[in-house]
Amino acid sequence: MALNNLGQDVREPSGTAHESRPAPYLRVTGLDAGYNRVPVVQGVSLQVALGEVVLVMGPNGAGKSTLVKAITGELPALAGRVVLDGRDVTAAREEDRTRAGIGYVPQLRDVFGPLTVTENLQMGGYQLGKHEVAARQEEVFSLFPALAEMRRRPARSLSGGERKMLAIGRALMAQPKVMLLDEPTANLAPAIARNVLHGIVASLAGSGRAVLLVEQRVSLGLEVASWGYVLTDGRLRLEEPCQVLQARPDLGTLFLGQGGGELGLGREEPREVIR
């Protein structure tokens, strides 16, 4: 059910649009999470299917990163469930969730600057045997040929787009079925940001992975995702197909109570641009 008033809680979705969604591979139900047992997100439910990009959006401080960290296991769930391919992983450790198929690319500290491209990929495969690491490293290089040409370069020497490519490649070393991407275009120039979303993120879903995308450039995110969730003040306020959200003239107002520039709905003017 689409809601016009973001002050209301989301009801159990119904109708043909939601019923036509594919079966979820990742399902989050009634999730509470926060810090020092104080919830930042409360009662959040969402789902992502294999081959699907799902967008989580909302203003700064809405709890988007907290939500992602709770799904990965970096933060403990205070209530609710995280289910992966029918298996309840709510109580599982972060490394066990990685083994189960959850890959995570954080917004910050997503690569090890002093290490080379190859060494960063090896860090992503730390749970694997030596021969398996080598094989998967070549798979990443085949997916991102530009990285293969820079394999001996330190990560700190890469451009912003190249570093994001490396961060995603490192997460892919564990062959995840679900990719959680927290602000993958943060501080990137607009053209690079578009390439990351339309090129890399879309290709992850095209390879059959489930992608949960947290993105401040909402207009770009809506172009690559099929379903969108809006968080404000730690609660899920709205969920609709992205085509429906794109058509809403009031989208920026619903998020911010004003124009939507902060969310990439208007003119993009990042404070710091990495090319």
Protein backbone atom coordinates (compact mmCIF):
# COMPACT_ATOMS: atom_id res chain seq x y z
CA MET A 1 0.00 0.00 0.00
CA ALA A 2 1.43 3.39 -0.96
CA LEU A 3 1.08 6.05 1.70
CA ASN A 4 0.64 9.75 1.06
CA ASN A 5 1.37 10.77 4.63
CA LEU A 6 4.87 9.90 5.75
CA GLY A 7 3.82 10.38 9.35
CA GLN A 8 1.86 7.12 9.11
CA ASP A 9 3.32 3.68 9.52
CA VAL A 10 3.53 1.42 6.48
CA ARG A 11 0.80 -1.18 6.43
CA GLU A 12 1.24 -4.70 5.08
CA PRO A 13 1.62 -4.14 1.31
CA SER A 14 -1.09 -5.42 -0.96
CA GLY A 15 -2.13 -5.09 -4.59
CA THR A 16 -0.86 -6.44 -7.85
CA ALA A 17 2.36 -4.38 -7.92
CA HIS A 18 3.68 -5.87 -4.69
CA GLU A 19 2.30 -9.34 -5.35
CA SER A 20 4.20 -9.43 -8.64
CA ARG A 21 7.57 -9.03 -6.93
CA PRO A 22 9.82 -12.08 -7.16
CA ALA A 23 10.35 -14.35 -4.16
CA PRO A 24 12.81 -12.73 -1.73
CA TYR A 25 16.29 -14.11 -1.17
CA LEU A 26 16.90 -11.62 1.64
CA ARG A 27 13.99 -10.79 3.94
CA VAL A 28 14.16 -8.39 6.87
CA THR A 29 11.17 -8.34 9.22
CA GLY A 30 10.43 -5.92 12.06
CA LEU A 31 14.08 -5.04 12.55
CA ASP A 32 15.18 -2.81 15.42
CA ALA A 33 18.87 -1.88 15.63
CA GLY A 34 21.04 0.84 17.11
CA TYR A 35 23.89 1.56 19.48
CA ASN A 36 24.20 0.81 23.20
CA ARG A 37 20.79 -0.88 22.99
CA VAL A 38 19.17 2.39 21.91
CA PRO A 39 17.29 1.76 18.64
CA VAL A 40 18.06 3.96 15.65
CA VAL A 41 15.91 1.96 13.23
CA GLN A 42 12.64 0.49 14.42
CA GLY A 43 10.29 -2.06 12.91
CA VAL A 44 11.86 -2.04 9.44
CA SER A 45 10.78 -4.75 7.00
CA LEU A 46 12.07 -5.13 3.45
CA GLN A 47 12.93 -7.78 0.89
CA VAL A 48 15.29 -8.27 -2.04
CA ALA A 49 15.18 -10.99 -4.69
CA LEU A 50 17.98 -12.44 -6.79
CA GLY A 51 18.51 -10.32 -9.89
CA GLU A 52 16.83 -7.31 -8.26
CA VAL A 53 18.15 -3.90 -7.21
CA VAL A 54 16.23 -2.45 -4.26
CA LEU A 55 16.82 1.17 -3.24
CA VAL A 56 16.79 2.45 0.35
CA MET A 57 16.54 6.23 0.50
CA GLY A 58 15.97 8.98 3.02
CA PRO A 59 17.57 12.08 4.51
CA ASN A 60 20.82 12.11 6.46
CA GLY A 61 20.33 10.60 9.89
CA ALA A 62 17.40 8.44 8.81
CA GLY A 63 19.17 5.23 9.88
CA LYS A 64 20.08 3.84 6.46
CA SER A 65 23.66 2.85 7.36
CA THR A 66 22.51 1.47 10.71
CA LEU A 67 20.02 -0.72 8.88
CA VAL A 68 22.69 -2.08 6.53
CA LYS A 69 25.11 -2.75 9.40
CA ALA A 70 22.42 -4.70 11.24
CA ILE A 71 21.78 -6.84 8.17
CA THR A 72 25.50 -7.62 7.84
CA GLY A 73 25.82 -8.42 11.54
CA GLU A 74 28.17 -5.54 12.29
CA LEU A 75 25.46 -4.32 14.67
CA PRO A 76 23.26 -6.72 16.66
CA ALA A 77 19.53 -6.77 16.04
CA LEU A 78 17.55 -5.57 19.05
CA ALA A 79 14.37 -7.10 17.62
CA GLY A 80 13.11 -8.62 14.40
CA ARG A 81 14.61 -11.13 11.97
CA VAL A 82 17.09 -11.30 9.10
CA VAL A 83 16.42 -14.28 6.83
CA LEU A 84 18.74 -15.29 3.99
CA ASP A 85 17.47 -17.87 1.50
CA GLY A 86 15.04 -19.20 4.10
CA ARG A 87 17.68 -19.39 6.84
CA ASP A 88 17.34 -17.18 9.92
CA VAL A 89 20.73 -15.49 10.37
CA THR A 90 19.62 -12.89 12.93
CA ALA A 91 21.93 -14.28 15.61
CA ALA A 92 24.77 -15.22 13.25
CA ARG A 93 28.15 -13.50 13.50
CA GLU A 94 29.26 -11.10 10.79
CA GLU A 95 31.82 -13.53 9.35
CA ASP A 96 29.21 -16.31 9.27
CA ARG A 97 26.84 -14.09 7.32
CA THR A 98 29.66 -13.44 4.87
CA ARG A 99 30.11 -17.19 4.44
CA ALA A 100 26.35 -17.54 4.02
CA GLY A 101 26.41 -15.14 1.06
CA ILE A 102 26.17 -11.52 2.24
CA GLY A 103 28.66 -9.07 0.72
CA TYR A 104 29.04 -5.54 2.06
CA VAL A 105 30.66 -2.41 0.64
CA PRO A 106 30.69 0.41 3.21
CA GLN A 107 30.58 4.07 2.34
CA LEU A 108 33.87 4.82 4.10
CA ARG A 109 37.07 2.81 4.54
CA ASP A 110 36.10 0.55 1.66
CA VAL A 111 39.68 -0.19 0.56
CA PHE A 112 43.09 -0.46 2.24
CA GLY A 113 45.01 2.48 0.79
CA PRO A 114 48.59 1.29 1.34
CA LEU A 115 47.87 -2.17 -0.10
CA THR A 116 47.96 -2.93 -3.81
CA VAL A 117 44.88 -3.82 -5.82
CA THR A 118 45.87 -7.49 -5.68
CA GLU A 119 46.46 -7.37 -1.92
CA ASN A 120 43.06 -5.74 -1.39
CA LEU A 121 41.40 -8.56 -3.30
CA GLN A 122 43.33 -11.12 -1.29
CA MET A 123 42.00 -9.50 1.89
CA GLY A 124 38.49 -10.04 0.53
CA GLY A 125 39.24 -13.74 0.18
CA TYR A 126 40.86 -14.22 3.57
CA GLN A 127 38.49 -17.10 4.38
CA LEU A 128 39.49 -19.00 1.23
CA GLY A 129 42.36 -21.31 0.37
CA LYS A 130 45.33 -20.02 -1.63
CA HIS A 131 44.30 -21.58 -4.95
CA GLU A 132 40.69 -20.47 -4.56
CA VAL A 133 41.82 -16.90 -3.85
CA ALA A 134 43.83 -16.88 -7.08
CA ALA A 135 40.91 -18.24 -9.10
CA ARG A 136 38.42 -15.74 -7.73
CA GLN A 137 40.87 -12.90 -8.16
CA GLU A 138 41.02 -13.67 -11.86
CA GLU A 139 37.22 -13.72 -11.96
CA VAL A 140 37.18 -10.21 -10.52
CA PHE A 141 39.78 -9.09 -13.06
CA SER A 142 37.66 -10.53 -15.87
CA LEU A 143 34.66 -8.57 -14.55
CA PHE A 144 36.71 -5.38 -14.10
CA PRO A 145 39.53 -5.46 -16.69
CA ALA A 146 40.71 -2.01 -15.62
CA LEU A 147 41.66 -3.44 -12.22
CA ALA A 148 43.80 -6.11 -13.86
CA GLU A 149 45.89 -3.37 -15.47
CA MET A 150 46.38 -1.73 -12.07
CA ARG A 151 46.93 -4.84 -9.99
CA ARG A 152 50.31 -3.70 -8.62
CA ARG A 153 49.25 -0.15 -7.83
CA PRO A 154 48.42 0.89 -4.26
CA ALA A 155 44.72 1.51 -3.75
CA ARG A 156 45.34 5.07 -2.55
CA SER A 157 46.60 5.98 -6.04
CA LEU A 158 43.31 5.02 -7.72
CA SER A 159 40.61 7.45 -8.73
CA GLY A 160 37.32 7.53 -6.86
CA GLY A 161 35.54 5.37 -9.41
CA GLU A 162 38.44 2.92 -9.54
CA ARG A 163 38.49 2.62 -5.75
CA LYS A 164 34.76 1.86 -5.70
CA MET A 165 35.32 -0.77 -8.37
CA LEU A 166 38.03 -2.31 -6.20
CA ALA A 167 35.83 -2.22 -3.09
CA ILE A 168 33.07 -4.07 -4.92
CA GLY A 169 35.59 -6.51 -6.38
CA ARG A 170 36.95 -7.22 -2.92
CA ALA A 171 33.45 -8.02 -1.66
CA LEU A 172 32.89 -10.29 -4.68
CA MET A 173 35.87 -12.44 -3.69
CA ALA A 174 33.60 -14.28 -1.25
CA GLN A 175 31.08 -14.93 -4.07
CA PRO A 176 28.11 -13.37 -2.27
CA LYS A 177 24.54 -13.84 -3.44
CA VAL A 178 23.49 -10.57 -1.79
CA MET A 179 25.38 -7.28 -2.14
CA LEU A 180 24.76 -4.44 0.32
CA LEU A 181 26.09 -1.16 -1.06
CA ASP A 182 26.15 1.85 1.27
CA GLU A 183 26.38 5.11 -0.69
CA PRO A 184 28.56 3.78 -3.54
CA THR A 185 28.55 7.16 -5.32
CA ALA A 186 29.46 9.29 -2.29
CA ASN A 187 31.79 12.17 -3.30
CA LEU A 188 32.05 10.95 -6.90
CA ALA A 189 31.68 13.29 -9.85
CA PRO A 190 28.23 12.99 -11.47
CA ALA A 191 29.47 11.19 -14.59
CA ILE A 192 31.41 8.65 -12.52
CA ALA A 193 28.43 8.19 -10.19
CA ARG A 194 26.21 7.39 -13.15
CA ASN A 195 28.71 4.82 -14.41
CA VAL A 196 28.91 3.16 -10.99
CA LEU A 197 25.13 2.79 -10.75
CA HIS A 198 24.22 2.08 -14.37
CA GLY A 199 27.34 0.03 -15.06
CA ILE A 200 28.61 -1.76 -11.97
CA VAL A 201 25.47 -1.95 -9.81
CA ALA A 202 23.22 -2.96 -12.69
CA SER A 203 25.72 -5.65 -13.71
CA LEU A 204 25.67 -7.14 -10.21
CA ALA A 205 21.93 -7.68 -10.48
CA GLY A 206 22.35 -8.85 -14.05
CA SER A 207 24.68 -11.60 -12.81
CA GLY A 208 21.87 -12.91 -10.61
CA ARG A 209 22.77 -11.27 -7.30
CA ALA A 210 20.36 -9.50 -4.98
CA VAL A 211 21.44 -5.87 -4.51
CA LEU A 212 20.34 -3.63 -1.63
CA LEU A 213 21.44 -0.11 -2.54
CA VAL A 214 21.59 2.82 -0.12
CA GLU A 215 21.95 5.94 -2.24
CA GLN A 216 21.65 9.70 -1.74
CA ARG A 217 21.51 10.40 -5.47
CA VAL A 218 17.94 9.21 -5.50
CA SER A 219 17.13 10.18 -9.08
CA LEU A 220 19.99 7.97 -10.32
CA GLY A 221 19.15 5.18 -7.90
CA LEU A 222 15.54 5.12 -9.07
CA GLU A 223 16.78 4.57 -12.62
CA VAL A 224 18.51 1.27 -11.77
CA ALA A 225 16.30 -0.09 -8.97
CA SER A 226 12.93 -1.78 -9.31
CA TRP A 227 11.58 -1.13 -5.81
CA GLY A 228 12.19 1.67 -3.33
CA TYR A 229 11.91 2.09 0.43
CA VAL A 230 11.88 5.47 2.19
CA LEU A 231 13.25 5.76 5.73
CA THR A 232 12.73 8.81 7.92
CA ASP A 233 13.59 8.97 11.62
CA GLY A 234 14.53 5.30 11.60
CA ARG A 235 11.16 4.06 10.40
CA LEU A 236 9.93 2.80 7.07
CA ARG A 237 7.45 5.39 5.82
CA LEU A 238 6.87 4.48 2.21
CA GLU A 239 7.53 1.68 -0.26
CA GLU A 240 6.56 1.63 -3.91
CA PRO A 241 7.84 0.49 -7.30
CA CYS A 242 10.56 2.86 -8.50
CA GLN A 243 8.57 3.77 -11.59
CA VAL A 244 5.81 5.03 -9.31
CA LEU A 245 8.28 6.94 -7.15
CA GLN A 246 9.87 8.55 -10.21
CA ALA A 247 6.49 9.92 -11.22
CA ARG A 248 5.82 11.59 -7.85
CA PRO A 249 6.31 15.37 -8.16
CA ASP A 250 6.32 15.64 -4.36
CA LEU A 251 9.13 13.15 -3.76
CA GLY A 252 11.71 15.68 -2.54
CA THR A 253 9.15 17.33 -0.28
CA LEU A 254 8.16 14.01 1.21
CA PHE A 255 11.78 13.31 2.17
CA LEU A 256 12.89 16.67 3.42
CA GLY A 257 9.90 18.93 3.84
CA GLN A 258 11.57 21.14 1.20
CA GLY A 259 13.35 20.79 -2.14
CA GLY A 260 15.08 17.50 -2.87
CA GLY A 261 18.59 18.68 -3.66
CA GLU A 262 20.20 16.80 -0.79
CA LEU A 263 18.91 13.55 -2.19
CA GLY A 264 20.05 14.17 -5.75
CA LEU A 265 16.54 15.07 -6.92
CA GLY A 266 17.64 18.49 -7.98
CA ARG A 267 20.96 19.94 -9.03
CA GLU A 268 23.92 17.82 -7.92
CA GLU A 269 26.48 19.87 -6.02
CA PRO A 270 28.62 17.51 -3.88
CA ARG A 271 30.85 19.27 -1.40
CA GLU A 272 33.84 17.17 -2.40
CA VAL A 273 34.16 15.57 -5.78
CA ILE A 274 36.49 12.65 -6.43
CA ARG A 275 37.23 12.00 -10.07
